[in-house]
Amino acid sequence: MNGFERRKKEKEKSILDTALRLFQKNGILNTPVSQIAKEAGVSQVTIFKYFETKDNLVLSTVNYFVDESFRSFEELVNKEATFEDKIENIILMKKTYANEMSQDFIMRFMEIYAEDSSYIKNLYHTKGSELYQKLFQQGRAEGKISNSISDKALYLYMDMYSDYLSKEEVSSQIKPLAQEFMRLFMYGISGK
């Protein structure tokens, strides 16, 4: 990559980082392109040159967020840690993402995800499935997951659990009980 291409990629990343931060904090509707341009240190013309419309910028920002999230998830799955530690970190990561996002950013994310051939859905069902499979294999190898439970059931269970814990009204109640909920997630009501 030559110097021009590298600077162009750096500028695009700066715009996406800024847009993501502002969209999550203030919402898409409450974040004008002029504010993104000012905080990214570029002109509005530059943003429109890269993305053409605010809708394209939003779509690119959502895809950027997904890429960054998957990168973090992949690092977590591949790092040296116990299965239980990884699960706890995944749950905390999802909770953090949910708490940092404005409502209209979440809604737009879900609209994009719902599209039949969306980038998010494809990534989630390919790379996401592979990472979860690797995680489940580790859990089985450590004796934390029964062989009688399918990966599909585990995948759905983790999503349901994480989604519920990420609700604002629930997360404040659960903090003092975090260890108990982690045990409940890992061992069910038998408590092992």
C-alpha atoms as a PDB file:
ATOM      1  CA  MET A   1       0.000   0.000   0.000  1.00  0.00           C
ATOM      2  CA  ASN A   2       1.464   3.353  -1.004  1.00  0.00           C
ATOM      3  CA  GLY A   3       1.426   6.462   1.200  1.00  0.00           C
ATOM      4  CA  PHE A   4      -1.704   7.921  -0.417  1.00  0.00           C
ATOM      5  CA  GLU A   5      -3.718   4.710   0.085  1.00  0.00           C
ATOM      6  CA  ARG A   6      -2.487   4.389   3.683  1.00  0.00           C
ATOM      7  CA  ARG A   7      -3.500   7.993   4.503  1.00  0.00           C
ATOM      8  CA  LYS A   8      -6.882   7.429   2.847  1.00  0.00           C
ATOM      9  CA  LYS A   9      -7.480   4.289   4.985  1.00  0.00           C
ATOM     10  CA  GLU A  10      -6.383   6.139   8.128  1.00  0.00           C
ATOM     11  CA  LYS A  11      -8.764   9.018   7.354  1.00  0.00           C
ATOM     12  CA  GLU A  12     -11.631   6.590   6.687  1.00  0.00           C
ATOM     13  CA  LYS A  13     -10.913   4.774   9.977  1.00  0.00           C
ATOM     14  CA  SER A  14     -10.864   8.101  11.832  1.00  0.00           C
ATOM     15  CA  ILE A  15     -14.264   9.015  10.356  1.00  0.00           C
ATOM     16  CA  LEU A  16     -15.716   5.603  11.255  1.00  0.00           C
ATOM     17  CA  ASP A  17     -14.293   5.699  14.803  1.00  0.00           C
ATOM     18  CA  THR A  18     -15.764   9.150  15.331  1.00  0.00           C
ATOM     19  CA  ALA A  19     -19.121   8.283  13.762  1.00  0.00           C
ATOM     20  CA  LEU A  20     -19.375   5.112  15.850  1.00  0.00           C
ATOM     21  CA  ARG A  21     -18.630   6.938  19.093  1.00  0.00           C
ATOM     22  CA  LEU A  22     -21.126   9.714  18.326  1.00  0.00           C
ATOM     23  CA  PHE A  23     -23.864   7.430  16.980  1.00  0.00           C
ATOM     24  CA  GLN A  24     -23.596   5.224  20.054  1.00  0.00           C
ATOM     25  CA  LYS A  25     -23.575   8.158  22.453  1.00  0.00           C
ATOM     26  CA  ASN A  26     -26.035  10.595  20.847  1.00  0.00           C
ATOM     27  CA  GLY A  27     -27.924   8.448  18.373  1.00  0.00           C
ATOM     28  CA  ILE A  28     -27.935   8.587  14.603  1.00  0.00           C
ATOM     29  CA  LEU A  29     -30.676  11.184  14.310  1.00  0.00           C
ATOM     30  CA  ASN A  30     -28.998  13.502  16.848  1.00  0.00           C
ATOM     31  CA  THR A  31     -25.573  13.341  15.201  1.00  0.00           C
ATOM     32  CA  PRO A  32     -25.183  15.629  12.188  1.00  0.00           C
ATOM     33  CA  VAL A  33     -22.458  14.928   9.630  1.00  0.00           C
ATOM     34  CA  SER A  34     -21.000  18.346  10.484  1.00  0.00           C
ATOM     35  CA  GLN A  35     -20.293  17.174  14.055  1.00  0.00           C
ATOM     36  CA  ILE A  36     -18.638  13.957  12.816  1.00  0.00           C
ATOM     37  CA  ALA A  37     -16.504  15.980  10.387  1.00  0.00           C
ATOM     38  CA  LYS A  38     -15.459  18.467  13.070  1.00  0.00           C
ATOM     39  CA  GLU A  39     -14.511  15.795  15.608  1.00  0.00           C
ATOM     40  CA  ALA A  40     -12.766  13.619  12.999  1.00  0.00           C
ATOM     41  CA  GLY A  41     -10.769  16.607  11.776  1.00  0.00           C
ATOM     42  CA  VAL A  42     -12.066  16.438   8.199  1.00  0.00           C
ATOM     43  CA  SER A  43     -14.528  18.393   6.078  1.00  0.00           C
ATOM     44  CA  GLN A  44     -18.107  17.339   5.389  1.00  0.00           C
ATOM     45  CA  VAL A  45     -17.115  17.148   1.727  1.00  0.00           C
ATOM     46  CA  THR A  46     -14.519  14.504   2.627  1.00  0.00           C
ATOM     47  CA  ILE A  47     -17.125  12.433   4.428  1.00  0.00           C
ATOM     48  CA  PHE A  48     -19.484  12.603   1.456  1.00  0.00           C
ATOM     49  CA  LYS A  49     -16.587  11.829  -0.890  1.00  0.00           C
ATOM     50  CA  TYR A  50     -15.922   8.604   1.064  1.00  0.00           C
ATOM     51  CA  PHE A  51     -19.513   7.581   1.855  1.00  0.00           C
ATOM     52  CA  GLU A  52     -21.779   9.622  -0.491  1.00  0.00           C
ATOM     53  CA  THR A  53     -24.746   9.783   1.946  1.00  0.00           C
ATOM     54  CA  LYS A  54     -25.346   9.722   5.684  1.00  0.00           C
ATOM     55  CA  ASP A  55     -27.185   6.403   5.229  1.00  0.00           C
ATOM     56  CA  ASN A  56     -24.069   4.895   3.629  1.00  0.00           C
ATOM     57  CA  LEU A  57     -22.001   6.279   6.499  1.00  0.00           C
ATOM     58  CA  VAL A  58     -24.378   4.660   9.002  1.00  0.00           C
ATOM     59  CA  LEU A  59     -24.209   1.310   7.177  1.00  0.00           C
ATOM     60  CA  SER A  60     -20.405   1.486   6.991  1.00  0.00           C
ATOM     61  CA  THR A  61     -20.251   2.417  10.681  1.00  0.00           C
ATOM     62  CA  VAL A  62     -22.460  -0.521  11.691  1.00  0.00           C
ATOM     63  CA  ASN A  63     -20.298  -2.893   9.618  1.00  0.00           C
ATOM     64  CA  TYR A  64     -17.171  -1.354  11.152  1.00  0.00           C
ATOM     65  CA  PHE A  65     -18.627  -1.902  14.635  1.00  0.00           C
ATOM     66  CA  VAL A  66     -19.342  -5.535  13.750  1.00  0.00           C
ATOM     67  CA  ASP A  67     -15.784  -6.053  12.481  1.00  0.00           C
ATOM     68  CA  GLU A  68     -14.294  -4.520  15.625  1.00  0.00           C
ATOM     69  CA  SER A  69     -16.608  -6.594  17.844  1.00  0.00           C
ATOM     70  CA  PHE A  70     -15.682  -9.807  16.043  1.00  0.00           C
ATOM     71  CA  ARG A  71     -11.991  -8.945  16.316  1.00  0.00           C
ATOM     72  CA  SER A  72     -12.393  -8.567  20.098  1.00  0.00           C
ATOM     73  CA  PHE A  73     -14.434 -11.773  20.292  1.00  0.00           C
ATOM     74  CA  GLU A  74     -11.832 -13.682  18.270  1.00  0.00           C
ATOM     75  CA  GLU A  75      -9.016 -12.444  20.513  1.00  0.00           C
ATOM     76  CA  LEU A  76     -11.010 -13.517  23.557  1.00  0.00           C
ATOM     77  CA  VAL A  77     -11.722 -17.011  22.214  1.00  0.00           C
ATOM     78  CA  ASN A  78      -8.081 -17.520  21.177  1.00  0.00           C
ATOM     79  CA  LYS A  79      -6.413 -16.215  24.334  1.00  0.00           C
ATOM     80  CA  GLU A  80      -5.047 -18.472  27.064  1.00  0.00           C
ATOM     81  CA  ALA A  81      -7.833 -18.599  29.642  1.00  0.00           C
ATOM     82  CA  THR A  82     -10.283 -21.072  31.103  1.00  0.00           C
ATOM     83  CA  PHE A  83     -13.641 -21.672  29.474  1.00  0.00           C
ATOM     84  CA  GLU A  84     -15.402 -20.072  32.454  1.00  0.00           C
ATOM     85  CA  ASP A  85     -13.259 -16.925  32.221  1.00  0.00           C
ATOM     86  CA  LYS A  86     -13.995 -16.625  28.510  1.00  0.00           C
ATOM     87  CA  ILE A  87     -17.758 -17.006  29.037  1.00  0.00           C
ATOM     88  CA  GLU A  88     -17.733 -14.381  31.763  1.00  0.00           C
ATOM     89  CA  ASN A  89     -15.828 -11.977  29.494  1.00  0.00           C
ATOM     90  CA  ILE A  90     -18.215 -12.618  26.579  1.00  0.00           C
ATOM     91  CA  ILE A  91     -21.217 -11.846  28.761  1.00  0.00           C
ATOM     92  CA  LEU A  92     -19.558  -8.674  30.072  1.00  0.00           C
ATOM     93  CA  MET A  93     -18.553  -7.628  26.539  1.00  0.00           C
ATOM     94  CA  LYS A  94     -22.134  -7.983  25.250  1.00  0.00           C
ATOM     95  CA  LYS A  95     -23.464  -6.103  28.265  1.00  0.00           C
ATOM     96  CA  THR A  96     -20.971  -3.288  27.693  1.00  0.00           C
ATOM     97  CA  TYR A  97     -21.891  -3.007  24.008  1.00  0.00           C
ATOM     98  CA  ALA A  98     -25.590  -2.882  24.821  1.00  0.00           C
ATOM     99  CA  ASN A  99     -25.148  -0.256  27.540  1.00  0.00           C
ATOM    100  CA  GLU A 100     -23.029   1.994  25.290  1.00  0.00           C
ATOM    101  CA  MET A 101     -25.450   2.097  22.350  1.00  0.00           C
ATOM    102  CA  SER A 102     -28.162   4.630  21.748  1.00  0.00           C
ATOM    103  CA  GLN A 103     -31.600   3.231  21.015  1.00  0.00           C
ATOM    104  CA  ASP A 104     -31.697   4.332  17.372  1.00  0.00           C
ATOM    105  CA  PHE A 105     -28.220   2.838  16.741  1.00  0.00           C
ATOM    106  CA  ILE A 106     -29.468  -0.498  18.118  1.00  0.00           C
ATOM    107  CA  MET A 107     -32.608  -0.259  15.989  1.00  0.00           C
ATOM    108  CA  ARG A 108     -30.612   0.465  12.821  1.00  0.00           C
ATOM    109  CA  PHE A 109     -28.228  -2.380  13.654  1.00  0.00           C
ATOM    110  CA  MET A 110     -31.191  -4.768  13.977  1.00  0.00           C
ATOM    111  CA  GLU A 111     -32.732  -3.514  10.695  1.00  0.00           C
ATOM    112  CA  ILE A 112     -29.468  -4.149   8.870  1.00  0.00           C
ATOM    113  CA  TYR A 113     -29.077  -7.559  10.529  1.00  0.00           C
ATOM    114  CA  ALA A 114     -32.609  -8.560   9.494  1.00  0.00           C
ATOM    115  CA  GLU A 115     -31.837  -8.085   5.794  1.00  0.00           C
ATOM    116  CA  ASP A 116     -31.508 -11.466   4.067  1.00  0.00           C
ATOM    117  CA  SER A 117     -27.974 -11.085   2.773  1.00  0.00           C
ATOM    118  CA  SER A 118     -26.623  -8.644   5.346  1.00  0.00           C
ATOM    119  CA  TYR A 119     -22.916  -8.515   6.039  1.00  0.00           C
ATOM    120  CA  ILE A 120     -23.640  -8.881   9.760  1.00  0.00           C
ATOM    121  CA  LYS A 121     -25.762 -12.000   9.366  1.00  0.00           C
ATOM    122  CA  ASN A 122     -23.230 -13.639   7.056  1.00  0.00           C
ATOM    123  CA  LEU A 123     -20.348 -12.908   9.428  1.00  0.00           C
ATOM    124  CA  TYR A 124     -22.344 -14.040  12.453  1.00  0.00           C
ATOM    125  CA  HIS A 125     -23.297 -17.356  10.821  1.00  0.00           C
ATOM    126  CA  THR A 126     -19.846 -18.131   9.412  1.00  0.00           C
ATOM    127  CA  LYS A 127     -17.033 -16.722  11.504  1.00  0.00           C
ATOM    128  CA  GLY A 128     -19.197 -16.397  14.623  1.00  0.00           C
ATOM    129  CA  SER A 129     -20.278 -20.024  14.438  1.00  0.00           C
ATOM    130  CA  GLU A 130     -16.665 -21.161  14.025  1.00  0.00           C
ATOM    131  CA  LEU A 131     -15.557 -19.182  17.076  1.00  0.00           C
ATOM    132  CA  TYR A 132     -18.423 -20.462  19.205  1.00  0.00           C
ATOM    133  CA  GLN A 133     -17.642 -24.028  18.094  1.00  0.00           C
ATOM    134  CA  LYS A 134     -14.039 -23.577  19.181  1.00  0.00           C
ATOM    135  CA  LEU A 135     -15.225 -22.210  22.518  1.00  0.00           C
ATOM    136  CA  PHE A 136     -17.657 -25.087  23.011  1.00  0.00           C
ATOM    137  CA  GLN A 137     -14.906 -27.616  22.199  1.00  0.00           C
ATOM    138  CA  GLN A 138     -12.774 -26.066  24.919  1.00  0.00           C
ATOM    139  CA  GLY A 139     -15.716 -26.251  27.343  1.00  0.00           C
ATOM    140  CA  ARG A 140     -16.227 -29.925  26.566  1.00  0.00           C
ATOM    141  CA  ALA A 141     -12.483 -30.636  26.888  1.00  0.00           C
ATOM    142  CA  GLU A 142     -12.458 -28.956  30.316  1.00  0.00           C
ATOM    143  CA  GLY A 143     -15.527 -30.971  31.378  1.00  0.00           C
ATOM    144  CA  LYS A 144     -17.695 -27.860  31.643  1.00  0.00           C
ATOM    145  CA  ILE A 145     -20.120 -28.781  28.840  1.00  0.00           C
ATOM    146  CA  SER A 146     -21.939 -32.077  28.531  1.00  0.00           C
ATOM    147  CA  ASN A 147     -21.611 -33.907  25.207  1.00  0.00           C
ATOM    148  CA  SER A 148     -25.392 -34.392  25.289  1.00  0.00           C
ATOM    149  CA  ILE A 149     -25.990 -30.659  24.650  1.00  0.00           C
ATOM    150  CA  SER A 150     -25.754 -29.539  21.012  1.00  0.00           C
ATOM    151  CA  ASP A 151     -23.763 -26.538  19.865  1.00  0.00           C
ATOM    152  CA  LYS A 152     -26.983 -25.047  18.493  1.00  0.00           C
ATOM    153  CA  ALA A 153     -28.659 -25.201  21.909  1.00  0.00           C
ATOM    154  CA  LEU A 154     -25.572 -23.707  23.575  1.00  0.00           C
ATOM    155  CA  TYR A 155     -25.382 -20.926  21.024  1.00  0.00           C
ATOM    156  CA  LEU A 156     -29.020 -19.969  21.576  1.00  0.00           C
ATOM    157  CA  TYR A 157     -28.672 -20.254  25.375  1.00  0.00           C
ATOM    158  CA  MET A 158     -25.665 -17.914  25.426  1.00  0.00           C
ATOM    159  CA  ASP A 159     -27.456 -15.354  23.254  1.00  0.00           C
ATOM    160  CA  MET A 160     -30.603 -15.427  25.396  1.00  0.00           C
ATOM    161  CA  TYR A 161     -28.619 -15.139  28.615  1.00  0.00           C
ATOM    162  CA  SER A 162     -26.405 -12.317  27.346  1.00  0.00           C
ATOM    163  CA  ASP A 163     -29.326 -10.384  25.860  1.00  0.00           C
ATOM    164  CA  TYR A 164     -31.301 -10.561  29.085  1.00  0.00           C
ATOM    165  CA  LEU A 165     -28.359  -9.521  31.263  1.00  0.00           C
ATOM    166  CA  SER A 166     -27.638  -6.551  29.008  1.00  0.00           C
ATOM    167  CA  LYS A 167     -30.971  -4.892  29.822  1.00  0.00           C
ATOM    168  CA  GLU A 168     -30.368  -1.762  31.865  1.00  0.00           C
ATOM    169  CA  GLU A 169     -33.006  -2.542  34.488  1.00  0.00           C
ATOM    170  CA  VAL A 170     -31.555  -6.038  34.980  1.00  0.00           C
ATOM    171  CA  SER A 171     -27.837  -5.237  34.983  1.00  0.00           C
ATOM    172  CA  SER A 172     -28.026  -2.988  38.058  1.00  0.00           C
ATOM    173  CA  GLN A 173     -29.801  -5.733  40.039  1.00  0.00           C
ATOM    174  CA  ILE A 174     -27.374  -8.429  38.958  1.00  0.00           C
ATOM    175  CA  LYS A 175     -24.081  -6.699  39.807  1.00  0.00           C
ATOM    176  CA  PRO A 176     -24.113  -7.770  43.476  1.00  0.00           C
ATOM    177  CA  LEU A 177     -25.040 -11.300  42.379  1.00  0.00           C
ATOM    178  CA  ALA A 178     -22.559 -11.592  39.506  1.00  0.00           C
ATOM    179  CA  GLN A 179     -20.741 -14.652  40.878  1.00  0.00           C
ATOM    180  CA  GLU A 180     -24.019 -16.448  41.590  1.00  0.00           C
ATOM    181  CA  PHE A 181     -25.316 -15.744  38.078  1.00  0.00           C
ATOM    182  CA  MET A 182     -22.069 -16.970  36.566  1.00  0.00           C
ATOM    183  CA  ARG A 183     -22.441 -20.236  38.524  1.00  0.00           C
ATOM    184  CA  LEU A 184     -26.084 -20.443  37.469  1.00  0.00           C
ATOM    185  CA  PHE A 185     -25.069 -19.945  33.829  1.00  0.00           C
ATOM    186  CA  MET A 186     -22.332 -22.578  34.065  1.00  0.00           C
ATOM    187  CA  TYR A 187     -24.043 -25.223  36.208  1.00  0.00           C
ATOM    188  CA  GLY A 188     -27.775 -24.571  36.127  1.00  0.00           C
ATOM    189  CA  ILE A 189     -29.872 -24.868  39.260  1.00  0.00           C
ATOM    190  CA  SER A 190     -28.089 -28.031  40.423  1.00  0.00           C
ATOM    191  CA  GLY A 191     -25.214 -25.722  41.368  1.00  0.00           C
ATOM    192  CA  LYS A 192     -22.607 -28.524  41.138  1.00  0.00           C
END
